[in-house]
Amino acid sequence: MNLTTIRFPVPAISSILHRITGVILFFAVPILLWMLQKSLTPAGFAELQKMFTHSFLWQFIIWAITTAVTYHVIAGVRHLLMDLGIGESLEGGRRGAWLVIILSVIAAALLGVWVWA
């Protein structure tokens, strides 16, 4: 078995990415809760603002979390539509998976512009 020759179908890749973003969001919750707690005081809010404007690492963390949320929501909506019987066929599954990936790439680029502009 040669693992370099295995090609996953697009719906499998989309599903795996949906699971990965779920794990990322699980680990992002403590960071988000810490940021929420910190932002409740004026001094903490100012500190967070300074962190997010001067630190590439924190900007990247915010971009990664918002990108994970966006992908997870888009893929989740696709799954909900499939539960309603929309896109359940093989071709519908492929098209839906491609649509999820394309919309997520566009969203990631727009979120990057938003974070770093």
Protein backbone atom coordinates (compact mmCIF):
# COMPACT_ATOMS: atom_id res chain seq x y z
CA MET A 1 0.00 0.00 0.00
CA ASN A 2 1.57 3.22 -1.18
CA LEU A 3 0.05 6.18 0.70
CA THR A 4 1.40 8.71 -1.81
CA THR A 5 -0.80 7.30 -4.57
CA ILE A 6 -4.09 7.40 -2.64
CA ARG A 7 -6.44 10.11 -3.89
CA PHE A 8 -9.41 11.01 -1.73
CA PRO A 9 -12.61 12.16 -3.43
CA VAL A 10 -13.56 15.79 -2.89
CA PRO A 11 -16.51 14.99 -0.53
CA ALA A 12 -14.08 13.03 1.69
CA ILE A 13 -11.65 15.95 1.79
CA SER A 14 -14.50 18.32 2.63
CA SER A 15 -15.69 16.00 5.40
CA ILE A 16 -12.20 15.60 6.86
CA LEU A 17 -11.70 19.38 6.85
CA HIS A 18 -15.05 19.78 8.60
CA ARG A 19 -13.87 17.48 11.37
CA ILE A 20 -10.48 19.22 11.60
CA THR A 21 -12.11 22.64 11.93
CA GLY A 22 -14.33 21.23 14.66
CA VAL A 23 -11.24 20.16 16.61
CA ILE A 24 -9.63 23.57 16.01
CA LEU A 25 -12.75 25.28 17.35
CA PHE A 26 -12.74 23.02 20.40
CA PHE A 27 -9.21 24.17 21.22
CA ALA A 28 -10.04 27.79 20.32
CA VAL A 29 -12.80 28.09 22.93
CA PRO A 30 -10.41 28.74 25.87
CA ILE A 31 -8.59 31.41 23.84
CA LEU A 32 -11.87 33.08 22.93
CA LEU A 33 -13.12 32.92 26.52
CA TRP A 34 -9.85 34.44 27.74
CA MET A 35 -10.20 37.26 25.19
CA LEU A 36 -13.81 37.85 26.23
CA GLN A 37 -12.86 38.00 29.92
CA LYS A 38 -9.96 40.34 29.14
CA SER A 39 -12.10 42.65 27.01
CA LEU A 40 -14.61 43.32 29.79
CA THR A 41 -12.40 45.97 31.40
CA PRO A 42 -11.28 49.13 29.57
CA ALA A 43 -7.60 48.42 30.30
CA GLY A 44 -7.89 44.81 29.14
CA PHE A 45 -9.70 45.88 25.99
CA ALA A 46 -6.95 48.38 25.20
CA GLU A 47 -4.33 45.67 25.79
CA LEU A 48 -6.12 43.30 23.40
CA GLN A 49 -6.36 46.05 20.79
CA LYS A 50 -2.64 46.68 21.07
CA MET A 51 -1.92 42.95 20.85
CA PHE A 52 -4.01 42.54 17.71
CA THR A 53 -2.55 45.56 15.94
CA HIS A 54 1.14 44.92 16.72
CA SER A 55 1.51 41.14 16.86
CA PHE A 56 1.48 39.08 13.68
CA LEU A 57 1.06 35.92 15.78
CA TRP A 58 -2.18 37.15 17.35
CA GLN A 59 -3.45 38.40 14.00
CA PHE A 60 -2.76 34.96 12.57
CA ILE A 61 -4.55 33.29 15.50
CA ILE A 62 -7.63 35.47 14.96
CA TRP A 63 -7.53 34.77 11.22
CA ALA A 64 -7.18 31.01 11.81
CA ILE A 65 -10.07 30.90 14.28
CA THR A 66 -12.41 32.97 12.10
CA THR A 67 -11.46 30.91 9.04
CA ALA A 68 -12.16 27.68 10.95
CA VAL A 69 -15.53 29.03 12.10
CA THR A 70 -16.41 30.07 8.55
CA TYR A 71 -15.47 26.70 7.02
CA HIS A 72 -17.28 24.81 9.77
CA VAL A 73 -20.46 26.86 9.30
CA ILE A 74 -20.43 26.54 5.50
CA ALA A 75 -19.85 22.78 5.69
CA GLY A 76 -22.48 22.50 8.42
CA VAL A 77 -25.06 24.24 6.24
CA ARG A 78 -24.20 21.79 3.46
CA HIS A 79 -24.84 18.88 5.84
CA LEU A 80 -28.15 20.42 6.92
CA LEU A 81 -29.20 20.80 3.27
CA MET A 82 -28.28 17.18 2.67
CA ASP A 83 -30.45 16.20 5.66
CA LEU A 84 -33.32 17.96 3.84
CA GLY A 85 -32.65 15.87 0.74
CA ILE A 86 -30.79 18.55 -1.26
CA GLY A 87 -27.55 17.36 -2.83
CA GLU A 88 -27.77 13.75 -1.65
CA SER A 89 -26.81 12.22 -4.98
CA LEU A 90 -23.22 11.39 -5.87
CA GLU A 91 -22.97 14.33 -8.25
CA GLY A 92 -24.75 16.61 -5.77
CA GLY A 93 -22.29 15.58 -3.07
CA ARG A 94 -19.34 16.42 -5.32
CA ARG A 95 -20.77 19.78 -6.32
CA GLY A 96 -21.62 20.62 -2.72
CA ALA A 97 -18.12 19.70 -1.55
CA TRP A 98 -16.51 21.84 -4.26
CA LEU A 99 -18.86 24.71 -3.38
CA VAL A 100 -17.90 24.46 0.30
CA ILE A 101 -14.19 24.50 -0.51
CA ILE A 102 -14.45 27.38 -3.01
CA LEU A 103 -16.61 29.53 -0.71
CA SER A 104 -14.25 28.83 2.18
CA VAL A 105 -11.17 29.86 0.20
CA ILE A 106 -12.89 33.10 -0.79
CA ALA A 107 -13.95 33.68 2.81
CA ALA A 108 -10.42 32.96 4.08
CA ALA A 109 -8.99 35.52 1.65
CA LEU A 110 -11.57 38.13 2.67
CA LEU A 111 -10.92 37.45 6.35
CA GLY A 112 -7.20 37.86 5.71
CA VAL A 113 -7.82 41.25 4.15
CA TRP A 114 -10.04 42.17 7.10
CA VAL A 115 -7.46 41.12 9.71
CA TRP A 116 -4.35 42.52 8.06
CA ALA A 117 -5.77 45.68 6.46
